[in-house]
């Protein structure tokens, strides 16, 4: 469907970030100021319960705005470019279903649908931490690893809508061997994907592999600061793997900045130590970009979903 024209957004809009455990709706007025927010648990296995929950959320938000307004939605997973069906392990109810058409029929109004990680990137490119930069890459480091690429404040999604899926780039065998790590299977059906090592669960797996208890990343960082050698070594290995993964992002996209999202974006050491960790894997003479914390934090996905409504049609947007 064509993108919503700006004059139809004068009364405001809703942005919805759909995840495996929660659905968050944020309502904005015509100037993109937040006026309402609601979170609910995701009915992830029952499609009837899922669509009913979305419908109820939006109706309640319409009442707050006093108008029936367009909706932008960020979804986890990948949309098959040929069939329009969603490939999502986080929300099984959507898996194999034409999510865009389903949500359009449920809400019966202008709807824009995008990938949740790309929505985060768009939010940080347009008014966020990377506002005003010619290009940026938003890198999510949470339960998994994903992202999006923006130029001049606009999201570029690519032919298949997958631009920025760096979490499923492979870790080289020699890098795994350097750290004595096994080749891990990924739910995507492949093995050795970067997100299996650099995400939050990936960091915990690295700690367990080294003989630790697999503590949460924030706890590991606190232990490392307190002098725990095993936790410090885990952070070092994680940093090397993450530096390599993001060096590939630099070689592919050459962004002016990388904005981190997800739970690991709360680790302070990443902002100081990631640029040199990336640089060690780059070609000579290539500089690592600035690594920035997100401006909108948890609200970024819903805000970016709402911003999708304001983007004009692009040659890389699917109908």
C-alpha atoms as a PDB file:
ATOM      1  CA  UNK A   1       0.000   0.000   0.000  1.00  0.00           C
ATOM      2  CA  UNK A   2       1.243   3.564  -0.559  1.00  0.00           C
ATOM      3  CA  UNK A   3       2.745   5.419   2.354  1.00  0.00           C
ATOM      4  CA  UNK A   4       0.503   7.772   4.309  1.00  0.00           C
ATOM      5  CA  UNK A   5       0.599  11.390   3.147  1.00  0.00           C
ATOM      6  CA  UNK A   6       1.789  13.912   5.776  1.00  0.00           C
ATOM      7  CA  UNK A   7      -1.501  15.876   5.826  1.00  0.00           C
ATOM      8  CA  UNK A   8      -3.339  12.749   7.002  1.00  0.00           C
ATOM      9  CA  UNK A   9      -1.098  12.716  10.110  1.00  0.00           C
ATOM     10  CA  UNK A  10      -2.038  16.185  11.333  1.00  0.00           C
ATOM     11  CA  UNK A  11      -4.202  14.686  14.096  1.00  0.00           C
ATOM     12  CA  UNK A  12      -1.426  12.335  15.183  1.00  0.00           C
ATOM     13  CA  UNK A  13      -0.562   8.667  14.834  1.00  0.00           C
ATOM     14  CA  UNK A  14       0.203   5.528  16.818  1.00  0.00           C
ATOM     15  CA  UNK A  15       3.407   3.495  16.766  1.00  0.00           C
ATOM     16  CA  UNK A  16       3.395  -0.136  17.903  1.00  0.00           C
ATOM     17  CA  UNK A  17       6.469  -2.182  18.775  1.00  0.00           C
ATOM     18  CA  UNK A  18       5.639  -5.898  18.829  1.00  0.00           C
ATOM     19  CA  UNK A  19       7.987  -8.250  20.627  1.00  0.00           C
ATOM     20  CA  UNK A  20       7.969 -11.797  21.848  1.00  0.00           C
ATOM     21  CA  UNK A  21       7.037 -10.837  25.415  1.00  0.00           C
ATOM     22  CA  UNK A  22       5.421  -7.406  25.153  1.00  0.00           C
ATOM     23  CA  UNK A  23       3.519  -5.127  22.806  1.00  0.00           C
ATOM     24  CA  UNK A  24       4.064  -1.412  23.320  1.00  0.00           C
ATOM     25  CA  UNK A  25       1.885   1.301  21.777  1.00  0.00           C
ATOM     26  CA  UNK A  26       2.928   4.945  21.853  1.00  0.00           C
ATOM     27  CA  UNK A  27       0.632   7.697  20.553  1.00  0.00           C
ATOM     28  CA  UNK A  28       1.965  10.948  19.112  1.00  0.00           C
ATOM     29  CA  UNK A  29       0.318  14.249  18.245  1.00  0.00           C
ATOM     30  CA  UNK A  30       0.819  15.923  14.883  1.00  0.00           C
ATOM     31  CA  UNK A  31       4.209  17.293  15.999  1.00  0.00           C
ATOM     32  CA  UNK A  32       5.424  13.806  17.043  1.00  0.00           C
ATOM     33  CA  UNK A  33       5.153  14.579  20.748  1.00  0.00           C
ATOM     34  CA  UNK A  34       4.320  11.567  22.887  1.00  0.00           C
ATOM     35  CA  UNK A  35       0.886  11.795  24.474  1.00  0.00           C
ATOM     36  CA  UNK A  36       0.057   8.220  25.460  1.00  0.00           C
ATOM     37  CA  UNK A  37       1.796   4.916  26.125  1.00  0.00           C
ATOM     38  CA  UNK A  38       0.554   1.427  26.968  1.00  0.00           C
ATOM     39  CA  UNK A  39       2.232  -1.947  27.260  1.00  0.00           C
ATOM     40  CA  UNK A  40       0.641  -5.379  27.352  1.00  0.00           C
ATOM     41  CA  UNK A  41       1.906  -8.947  27.287  1.00  0.00           C
ATOM     42  CA  UNK A  42       2.100 -10.451  23.803  1.00  0.00           C
ATOM     43  CA  UNK A  43      -0.493 -13.176  23.078  1.00  0.00           C
ATOM     44  CA  UNK A  44       2.156 -14.893  21.022  1.00  0.00           C
ATOM     45  CA  UNK A  45       0.532 -18.241  20.199  1.00  0.00           C
ATOM     46  CA  UNK A  46      -3.126 -17.461  19.469  1.00  0.00           C
ATOM     47  CA  UNK A  47      -3.732 -15.377  16.337  1.00  0.00           C
ATOM     48  CA  UNK A  48      -7.295 -14.461  17.360  1.00  0.00           C
ATOM     49  CA  UNK A  49      -6.104 -13.243  20.762  1.00  0.00           C
ATOM     50  CA  UNK A  50      -3.216 -11.403  19.107  1.00  0.00           C
ATOM     51  CA  UNK A  51      -5.380  -9.461  16.647  1.00  0.00           C
ATOM     52  CA  UNK A  52      -7.972  -8.734  19.339  1.00  0.00           C
ATOM     53  CA  UNK A  53      -5.252  -7.310  21.587  1.00  0.00           C
ATOM     54  CA  UNK A  54      -3.939  -5.050  18.819  1.00  0.00           C
ATOM     55  CA  UNK A  55      -7.458  -3.877  17.998  1.00  0.00           C
ATOM     56  CA  UNK A  56      -8.215  -3.072  21.644  1.00  0.00           C
ATOM     57  CA  UNK A  57      -4.925  -1.198  22.124  1.00  0.00           C
ATOM     58  CA  UNK A  58      -5.514   0.985  19.092  1.00  0.00           C
ATOM     59  CA  UNK A  59      -9.161   1.728  19.948  1.00  0.00           C
ATOM     60  CA  UNK A  60      -8.147   2.850  23.447  1.00  0.00           C
ATOM     61  CA  UNK A  61      -5.387   5.035  22.010  1.00  0.00           C
ATOM     62  CA  UNK A  62      -7.795   6.583  19.497  1.00  0.00           C
ATOM     63  CA  UNK A  63      -9.921   7.669  22.449  1.00  0.00           C
ATOM     64  CA  UNK A  64      -6.933   9.398  24.053  1.00  0.00           C
ATOM     65  CA  UNK A  65      -6.161  11.297  20.842  1.00  0.00           C
ATOM     66  CA  UNK A  66      -9.792  11.960  20.117  1.00  0.00           C
ATOM     67  CA  UNK A  67      -9.332  10.782  16.544  1.00  0.00           C
ATOM     68  CA  UNK A  68      -8.989   7.629  14.448  1.00  0.00           C
ATOM     69  CA  UNK A  69      -5.411   7.907  13.196  1.00  0.00           C
ATOM     70  CA  UNK A  70      -2.897   5.889  11.122  1.00  0.00           C
ATOM     71  CA  UNK A  71      -0.740   3.212  12.735  1.00  0.00           C
ATOM     72  CA  UNK A  72       2.895   2.234  12.197  1.00  0.00           C
ATOM     73  CA  UNK A  73       3.920  -1.236  13.368  1.00  0.00           C
ATOM     74  CA  UNK A  74       7.340  -2.775  13.981  1.00  0.00           C
ATOM     75  CA  UNK A  75       7.446  -6.567  13.756  1.00  0.00           C
ATOM     76  CA  UNK A  76      10.189  -9.012  14.717  1.00  0.00           C
ATOM     77  CA  UNK A  77      11.497 -11.366  12.052  1.00  0.00           C
ATOM     78  CA  UNK A  78      11.541 -11.247   8.274  1.00  0.00           C
ATOM     79  CA  UNK A  79       8.779 -10.738   5.727  1.00  0.00           C
ATOM     80  CA  UNK A  80       9.041 -13.039   2.722  1.00  0.00           C
ATOM     81  CA  UNK A  81       9.344 -10.685  -0.244  1.00  0.00           C
ATOM     82  CA  UNK A  82       7.454 -12.974  -2.617  1.00  0.00           C
ATOM     83  CA  UNK A  83       4.544 -14.167  -0.465  1.00  0.00           C
ATOM     84  CA  UNK A  84       4.328 -11.408   2.144  1.00  0.00           C
ATOM     85  CA  UNK A  85       4.280 -14.039   4.879  1.00  0.00           C
ATOM     86  CA  UNK A  86       6.047 -13.375   8.164  1.00  0.00           C
ATOM     87  CA  UNK A  87       8.944 -15.514   9.355  1.00  0.00           C
ATOM     88  CA  UNK A  88       8.952 -14.964  13.113  1.00  0.00           C
ATOM     89  CA  UNK A  89      10.122 -17.258  15.885  1.00  0.00           C
ATOM     90  CA  UNK A  90       9.411 -14.643  18.590  1.00  0.00           C
ATOM     91  CA  UNK A  91       5.682 -14.400  17.824  1.00  0.00           C
ATOM     92  CA  UNK A  92       4.587 -17.870  16.641  1.00  0.00           C
ATOM     93  CA  UNK A  93       1.019 -16.675  15.978  1.00  0.00           C
ATOM     94  CA  UNK A  94       2.349 -14.576  13.078  1.00  0.00           C
ATOM     95  CA  UNK A  95       4.686 -17.186  11.657  1.00  0.00           C
ATOM     96  CA  UNK A  96       3.702 -18.041   8.093  1.00  0.00           C
ATOM     97  CA  UNK A  97       0.886 -15.473   7.990  1.00  0.00           C
ATOM     98  CA  UNK A  98       0.620 -12.379   5.743  1.00  0.00           C
ATOM     99  CA  UNK A  99       1.135 -10.015   8.676  1.00  0.00           C
ATOM    100  CA  UNK A 100       0.786  -6.738   6.791  1.00  0.00           C
ATOM    101  CA  UNK A 101      -2.558  -7.715   5.252  1.00  0.00           C
ATOM    102  CA  UNK A 102      -3.767  -9.209   8.535  1.00  0.00           C
ATOM    103  CA  UNK A 103      -3.013  -6.036  10.505  1.00  0.00           C
ATOM    104  CA  UNK A 104      -4.478  -3.827   7.779  1.00  0.00           C
ATOM    105  CA  UNK A 105      -7.739  -5.798   7.896  1.00  0.00           C
ATOM    106  CA  UNK A 106      -7.784  -5.805  11.713  1.00  0.00           C
ATOM    107  CA  UNK A 107      -7.360  -2.039  12.036  1.00  0.00           C
ATOM    108  CA  UNK A 108      -9.114  -0.904   8.824  1.00  0.00           C
ATOM    109  CA  UNK A 109      -7.047   2.266   8.418  1.00  0.00           C
ATOM    110  CA  UNK A 110      -3.666   3.319   6.930  1.00  0.00           C
ATOM    111  CA  UNK A 111      -0.996   0.989   8.313  1.00  0.00           C
ATOM    112  CA  UNK A 112       2.767   0.947   7.706  1.00  0.00           C
ATOM    113  CA  UNK A 113       4.652  -2.203   8.730  1.00  0.00           C
ATOM    114  CA  UNK A 114       8.399  -2.626   9.129  1.00  0.00           C
ATOM    115  CA  UNK A 115      11.035  -4.666  10.920  1.00  0.00           C
ATOM    116  CA  UNK A 116      11.359  -3.762  14.608  1.00  0.00           C
ATOM    117  CA  UNK A 117      15.146  -3.316  14.487  1.00  0.00           C
ATOM    118  CA  UNK A 118      14.860  -1.077  11.435  1.00  0.00           C
ATOM    119  CA  UNK A 119      12.245   0.986  13.281  1.00  0.00           C
ATOM    120  CA  UNK A 120      14.760   1.518  16.088  1.00  0.00           C
ATOM    121  CA  UNK A 121      17.323   2.739  13.554  1.00  0.00           C
ATOM    122  CA  UNK A 122      14.849   5.143  11.955  1.00  0.00           C
ATOM    123  CA  UNK A 123      13.923   6.622  15.330  1.00  0.00           C
ATOM    124  CA  UNK A 124      17.571   7.314  16.158  1.00  0.00           C
ATOM    125  CA  UNK A 125      18.243   8.737  12.674  1.00  0.00           C
ATOM    126  CA  UNK A 126      15.271  11.116  12.740  1.00  0.00           C
ATOM    127  CA  UNK A 127      15.449  13.220  15.893  1.00  0.00           C
ATOM    128  CA  UNK A 128      17.556  10.683  17.808  1.00  0.00           C
ATOM    129  CA  UNK A 129      21.226  10.239  18.635  1.00  0.00           C
ATOM    130  CA  UNK A 130      22.254  10.323  14.951  1.00  0.00           C
ATOM    131  CA  UNK A 131      19.953  13.165  13.917  1.00  0.00           C
ATOM    132  CA  UNK A 132      21.528  15.323  11.213  1.00  0.00           C
ATOM    133  CA  UNK A 133      24.216  12.819  10.207  1.00  0.00           C
ATOM    134  CA  UNK A 134      24.385  11.818   6.526  1.00  0.00           C
ATOM    135  CA  UNK A 135      24.263   8.093   7.379  1.00  0.00           C
ATOM    136  CA  UNK A 136      23.894   5.915  10.470  1.00  0.00           C
ATOM    137  CA  UNK A 137      23.513   2.292  11.461  1.00  0.00           C
ATOM    138  CA  UNK A 138      21.290   1.218  14.342  1.00  0.00           C
ATOM    139  CA  UNK A 139      22.618  -1.984  15.924  1.00  0.00           C
ATOM    140  CA  UNK A 140      20.321  -3.843  18.309  1.00  0.00           C
ATOM    141  CA  UNK A 141      22.065  -5.995  20.914  1.00  0.00           C
ATOM    142  CA  UNK A 142      19.376  -7.687  22.962  1.00  0.00           C
ATOM    143  CA  UNK A 143      17.896 -11.170  22.885  1.00  0.00           C
ATOM    144  CA  UNK A 144      19.232 -11.265  19.331  1.00  0.00           C
ATOM    145  CA  UNK A 145      21.178  -8.923  17.081  1.00  0.00           C
ATOM    146  CA  UNK A 146      19.674  -6.916  14.239  1.00  0.00           C
ATOM    147  CA  UNK A 147      19.662  -3.430  12.860  1.00  0.00           C
ATOM    148  CA  UNK A 148      18.901  -0.949  10.144  1.00  0.00           C
ATOM    149  CA  UNK A 149      20.650   1.570   7.902  1.00  0.00           C
ATOM    150  CA  UNK A 150      19.474   5.149   7.366  1.00  0.00           C
ATOM    151  CA  UNK A 151      20.644   7.893   5.027  1.00  0.00           C
ATOM    152  CA  UNK A 152      19.592  11.533   5.477  1.00  0.00           C
ATOM    153  CA  UNK A 153      17.158  10.464   8.187  1.00  0.00           C
ATOM    154  CA  UNK A 154      15.399   7.924   5.959  1.00  0.00           C
ATOM    155  CA  UNK A 155      15.322   4.167   6.332  1.00  0.00           C
ATOM    156  CA  UNK A 156      16.757   2.140   3.447  1.00  0.00           C
ATOM    157  CA  UNK A 157      15.301  -1.361   3.528  1.00  0.00           C
ATOM    158  CA  UNK A 158      16.638  -2.971   0.356  1.00  0.00           C
ATOM    159  CA  UNK A 159      15.063  -5.265  -2.221  1.00  0.00           C
ATOM    160  CA  UNK A 160      14.005  -7.906   0.313  1.00  0.00           C
ATOM    161  CA  UNK A 161      13.503  -5.474   3.171  1.00  0.00           C
ATOM    162  CA  UNK A 162      16.476  -7.011   5.000  1.00  0.00           C
ATOM    163  CA  UNK A 163      19.160  -4.310   4.877  1.00  0.00           C
ATOM    164  CA  UNK A 164      20.889  -4.315   8.254  1.00  0.00           C
ATOM    165  CA  UNK A 165      20.432  -7.975   9.250  1.00  0.00           C
ATOM    166  CA  UNK A 166      24.012  -8.155  10.504  1.00  0.00           C
ATOM    167  CA  UNK A 167      23.148 -10.619  13.277  1.00  0.00           C
ATOM    168  CA  UNK A 168      23.002 -13.415  10.705  1.00  0.00           C
ATOM    169  CA  UNK A 169      26.381 -12.722   9.145  1.00  0.00           C
ATOM    170  CA  UNK A 170      28.772 -15.563   9.941  1.00  0.00           C
ATOM    171  CA  UNK A 171      31.628 -15.449  12.438  1.00  0.00           C
ATOM    172  CA  UNK A 172      34.830 -16.642  10.667  1.00  0.00           C
ATOM    173  CA  UNK A 173      36.177 -20.032  11.694  1.00  0.00           C
ATOM    174  CA  UNK A 174      39.612 -18.591  12.531  1.00  0.00           C
ATOM    175  CA  UNK A 175      38.048 -16.108  14.975  1.00  0.00           C
ATOM    176  CA  UNK A 176      36.147 -18.896  16.717  1.00  0.00           C
ATOM    177  CA  UNK A 177      39.347 -20.959  16.860  1.00  0.00           C
ATOM    178  CA  UNK A 178      41.294 -18.019  18.329  1.00  0.00           C
ATOM    179  CA  UNK A 179      38.983 -18.030  21.329  1.00  0.00           C
ATOM    180  CA  UNK A 180      38.391 -21.791  21.452  1.00  0.00           C
ATOM    181  CA  UNK A 181      34.683 -21.422  20.720  1.00  0.00           C
ATOM    182  CA  UNK A 182      32.320 -24.006  19.181  1.00  0.00           C
ATOM    183  CA  UNK A 183      30.266 -23.477  16.029  1.00  0.00           C
ATOM    184  CA  UNK A 184      26.764 -22.781  17.392  1.00  0.00           C
ATOM    185  CA  UNK A 185      23.542 -23.550  15.542  1.00  0.00           C
ATOM    186  CA  UNK A 186      21.148 -20.642  14.998  1.00  0.00           C
ATOM    187  CA  UNK A 187      17.320 -20.780  14.965  1.00  0.00           C
ATOM    188  CA  UNK A 188      17.475 -19.318  11.445  1.00  0.00           C
ATOM    189  CA  UNK A 189      18.680 -22.745  10.258  1.00  0.00           C
ATOM    190  CA  UNK A 190      22.331 -21.847   9.761  1.00  0.00           C
ATOM    191  CA  UNK A 191      25.329 -22.116  12.084  1.00  0.00           C
ATOM    192  CA  UNK A 192      27.877 -19.610  13.329  1.00  0.00           C
ATOM    193  CA  UNK A 193      25.628 -16.523  13.110  1.00  0.00           C
ATOM    194  CA  UNK A 194      27.043 -13.488  14.923  1.00  0.00           C
ATOM    195  CA  UNK A 195      24.003 -13.036  17.172  1.00  0.00           C
ATOM    196  CA  UNK A 196      24.671 -16.405  18.823  1.00  0.00           C
ATOM    197  CA  UNK A 197      27.863 -14.876  20.261  1.00  0.00           C
ATOM    198  CA  UNK A 198      27.368 -11.104  20.563  1.00  0.00           C
ATOM    199  CA  UNK A 199      23.759 -10.820  21.831  1.00  0.00           C
ATOM    200  CA  UNK A 200      22.826 -10.864  25.509  1.00  0.00           C
ATOM    201  CA  UNK A 201      22.338 -14.662  25.552  1.00  0.00           C
ATOM    202  CA  UNK A 202      25.538 -14.893  23.494  1.00  0.00           C
ATOM    203  CA  UNK A 203      27.575 -13.119  26.174  1.00  0.00           C
ATOM    204  CA  UNK A 204      26.107 -15.413  28.817  1.00  0.00           C
ATOM    205  CA  UNK A 205      27.019 -18.441  26.676  1.00  0.00           C
ATOM    206  CA  UNK A 206      30.599 -17.158  26.384  1.00  0.00           C
ATOM    207  CA  UNK A 207      30.817 -16.955  30.175  1.00  0.00           C
ATOM    208  CA  UNK A 208      29.451 -20.486  30.610  1.00  0.00           C
ATOM    209  CA  UNK A 209      31.861 -21.800  27.969  1.00  0.00           C
ATOM    210  CA  UNK A 210      34.749 -20.303  29.959  1.00  0.00           C
ATOM    211  CA  UNK A 211      33.552 -22.095  33.107  1.00  0.00           C
ATOM    212  CA  UNK A 212      31.350 -19.387  34.587  1.00  0.00           C
ATOM    213  CA  UNK A 213      27.698 -19.379  35.635  1.00  0.00           C
ATOM    214  CA  UNK A 214      26.368 -17.481  32.620  1.00  0.00           C
ATOM    215  CA  UNK A 215      25.353 -14.372  34.553  1.00  0.00           C
ATOM    216  CA  UNK A 216      23.458 -11.489  32.961  1.00  0.00           C
ATOM    217  CA  UNK A 217      25.620  -8.996  31.001  1.00  0.00           C
ATOM    218  CA  UNK A 218      25.174  -6.135  33.485  1.00  0.00           C
ATOM    219  CA  UNK A 219      26.230  -8.450  36.316  1.00  0.00           C
ATOM    220  CA  UNK A 220      29.260  -9.616  34.330  1.00  0.00           C
ATOM    221  CA  UNK A 221      30.292  -6.001  33.744  1.00  0.00           C
ATOM    222  CA  UNK A 222      29.964  -5.267  37.466  1.00  0.00           C
ATOM    223  CA  UNK A 223      32.042  -8.330  38.329  1.00  0.00           C
ATOM    224  CA  UNK A 224      34.719  -7.322  35.830  1.00  0.00           C
ATOM    225  CA  UNK A 225      34.900  -3.851  37.367  1.00  0.00           C
ATOM    226  CA  UNK A 226      35.281  -5.499  40.786  1.00  0.00           C
ATOM    227  CA  UNK A 227      38.291  -7.504  39.602  1.00  0.00           C
ATOM    228  CA  UNK A 228      36.710 -10.815  38.533  1.00  0.00           C
ATOM    229  CA  UNK A 229      39.191 -12.201  35.959  1.00  0.00           C
ATOM    230  CA  UNK A 230      36.749 -14.649  34.340  1.00  0.00           C
ATOM    231  CA  UNK A 231      34.130 -11.942  33.842  1.00  0.00           C
ATOM    232  CA  UNK A 232      36.786  -9.589  32.444  1.00  0.00           C
ATOM    233  CA  UNK A 233      37.995 -12.249  29.985  1.00  0.00           C
ATOM    234  CA  UNK A 234      34.390 -12.873  28.911  1.00  0.00           C
ATOM    235  CA  UNK A 235      33.949  -9.174  28.162  1.00  0.00           C
ATOM    236  CA  UNK A 236      37.219  -9.154  26.215  1.00  0.00           C
ATOM    237  CA  UNK A 237      36.198 -12.126  24.045  1.00  0.00           C
ATOM    238  CA  UNK A 238      32.750 -10.646  23.499  1.00  0.00           C
ATOM    239  CA  UNK A 239      34.304  -7.298  22.536  1.00  0.00           C
ATOM    240  CA  UNK A 240      36.577  -8.947  19.956  1.00  0.00           C
ATOM    241  CA  UNK A 241      33.669 -10.860  18.396  1.00  0.00           C
ATOM    242  CA  UNK A 242      31.444  -7.774  18.418  1.00  0.00           C
ATOM    243  CA  UNK A 243      34.265  -5.646  17.014  1.00  0.00           C
ATOM    244  CA  UNK A 244      34.645  -8.051  14.098  1.00  0.00           C
ATOM    245  CA  UNK A 245      30.883  -8.161  13.437  1.00  0.00           C
ATOM    246  CA  UNK A 246      30.584  -4.380  13.415  1.00  0.00           C
ATOM    247  CA  UNK A 247      33.720  -4.016  11.293  1.00  0.00           C
ATOM    248  CA  UNK A 248      31.785  -5.891   8.615  1.00  0.00           C
ATOM    249  CA  UNK A 249      28.956  -3.381   9.064  1.00  0.00           C
ATOM    250  CA  UNK A 250      31.488  -0.577   8.517  1.00  0.00           C
ATOM    251  CA  UNK A 251      32.842  -2.229   5.365  1.00  0.00           C
ATOM    252  CA  UNK A 252      29.321  -2.803   4.011  1.00  0.00           C
ATOM    253  CA  UNK A 253      27.634   0.502   4.931  1.00  0.00           C
ATOM    254  CA  UNK A 254      30.425   2.894   6.066  1.00  0.00           C
ATOM    255  CA  UNK A 255      28.058   4.751   8.452  1.00  0.00           C
ATOM    256  CA  UNK A 256      28.980   8.039  10.087  1.00  0.00           C
ATOM    257  CA  UNK A 257      27.830   6.612  13.437  1.00  0.00           C
ATOM    258  CA  UNK A 258      26.569   3.392  14.963  1.00  0.00           C
ATOM    259  CA  UNK A 259      23.823   3.764  17.582  1.00  0.00           C
ATOM    260  CA  UNK A 260      23.471   0.819  19.948  1.00  0.00           C
ATOM    261  CA  UNK A 261      20.091  -0.468  21.114  1.00  0.00           C
ATOM    262  CA  UNK A 262      18.809  -3.368  23.178  1.00  0.00           C
ATOM    263  CA  UNK A 263      19.851  -4.392  26.665  1.00  0.00           C
ATOM    264  CA  UNK A 264      23.578  -4.379  25.955  1.00  0.00           C
ATOM    265  CA  UNK A 265      23.407  -0.703  25.013  1.00  0.00           C
ATOM    266  CA  UNK A 266      23.387  -0.126  28.799  1.00  0.00           C
ATOM    267  CA  UNK A 267      26.973  -1.416  29.122  1.00  0.00           C
ATOM    268  CA  UNK A 268      29.159   1.726  29.482  1.00  0.00           C
ATOM    269  CA  UNK A 269      32.402   0.044  28.427  1.00  0.00           C
ATOM    270  CA  UNK A 270      31.113  -0.516  24.883  1.00  0.00           C
ATOM    271  CA  UNK A 271      31.169   3.190  24.013  1.00  0.00           C
ATOM    272  CA  UNK A 272      34.843   3.598  24.898  1.00  0.00           C
ATOM    273  CA  UNK A 273      36.201   0.197  23.869  1.00  0.00           C
ATOM    274  CA  UNK A 274      34.207  -0.669  20.746  1.00  0.00           C
ATOM    275  CA  UNK A 275      35.811   1.825  18.310  1.00  0.00           C
ATOM    276  CA  UNK A 276      39.342   0.375  18.775  1.00  0.00           C
ATOM    277  CA  UNK A 277      37.893  -3.176  18.821  1.00  0.00           C
ATOM    278  CA  UNK A 278      36.264  -2.478  15.450  1.00  0.00           C
ATOM    279  CA  UNK A 279      39.395  -0.784  14.150  1.00  0.00           C
ATOM    280  CA  UNK A 280      41.517  -3.882  14.782  1.00  0.00           C
ATOM    281  CA  UNK A 281      39.441  -5.712  12.166  1.00  0.00           C
ATOM    282  CA  UNK A 282      39.335  -2.943   9.563  1.00  0.00           C
ATOM    283  CA  UNK A 283      41.549  -2.292   6.582  1.00  0.00           C
ATOM    284  CA  UNK A 284      44.491  -0.004   7.168  1.00  0.00           C
ATOM    285  CA  UNK A 285      43.458   3.636   6.899  1.00  0.00           C
ATOM    286  CA  UNK A 286      39.750   2.946   7.568  1.00  0.00           C
ATOM    287  CA  UNK A 287      38.436   4.596  10.717  1.00  0.00           C
ATOM    288  CA  UNK A 288      35.734   3.207  12.974  1.00  0.00           C
ATOM    289  CA  UNK A 289      32.662   5.448  13.365  1.00  0.00           C
ATOM    290  CA  UNK A 290      31.441   6.944  16.607  1.00  0.00           C
ATOM    291  CA  UNK A 291      29.529   4.507  18.834  1.00  0.00           C
ATOM    292  CA  UNK A 292      26.548   6.299  20.381  1.00  0.00           C
ATOM    293  CA  UNK A 293      23.955   5.428  23.045  1.00  0.00           C
ATOM    294  CA  UNK A 294      20.295   5.684  21.982  1.00  0.00           C
ATOM    295  CA  UNK A 295      18.406   8.882  22.710  1.00  0.00           C
ATOM    296  CA  UNK A 296      14.982   7.252  22.979  1.00  0.00           C
ATOM    297  CA  UNK A 297      15.857   3.994  24.707  1.00  0.00           C
ATOM    298  CA  UNK A 298      12.930   1.602  25.020  1.00  0.00           C
ATOM    299  CA  UNK A 299      10.595   3.986  23.176  1.00  0.00           C
ATOM    300  CA  UNK A 300      12.642   3.869  19.998  1.00  0.00           C
ATOM    301  CA  UNK A 301      10.897   0.952  18.323  1.00  0.00           C
ATOM    302  CA  UNK A 302       7.386   2.367  18.665  1.00  0.00           C
ATOM    303  CA  UNK A 303       8.535   5.868  17.696  1.00  0.00           C
ATOM    304  CA  UNK A 304      10.323   4.521  14.623  1.00  0.00           C
ATOM    305  CA  UNK A 305       7.234   2.552  13.634  1.00  0.00           C
ATOM    306  CA  UNK A 306       5.225   5.784  13.749  1.00  0.00           C
ATOM    307  CA  UNK A 307       7.875   7.547  11.659  1.00  0.00           C
ATOM    308  CA  UNK A 308       7.426   4.905   8.933  1.00  0.00           C
ATOM    309  CA  UNK A 309       4.096   6.563   8.204  1.00  0.00           C
ATOM    310  CA  UNK A 310       5.854   9.809   7.289  1.00  0.00           C
ATOM    311  CA  UNK A 311       8.257   8.329   4.767  1.00  0.00           C
ATOM    312  CA  UNK A 312       7.388   8.901   1.147  1.00  0.00           C
ATOM    313  CA  UNK A 313       7.390   5.877  -1.195  1.00  0.00           C
ATOM    314  CA  UNK A 314      10.898   4.665  -1.995  1.00  0.00           C
ATOM    315  CA  UNK A 315      12.091   2.429  -4.761  1.00  0.00           C
ATOM    316  CA  UNK A 316      13.148  -0.013  -2.053  1.00  0.00           C
ATOM    317  CA  UNK A 317       9.711  -0.092  -0.396  1.00  0.00           C
ATOM    318  CA  UNK A 318       7.571  -3.054  -1.321  1.00  0.00           C
ATOM    319  CA  UNK A 319       3.906  -2.397  -2.164  1.00  0.00           C
END
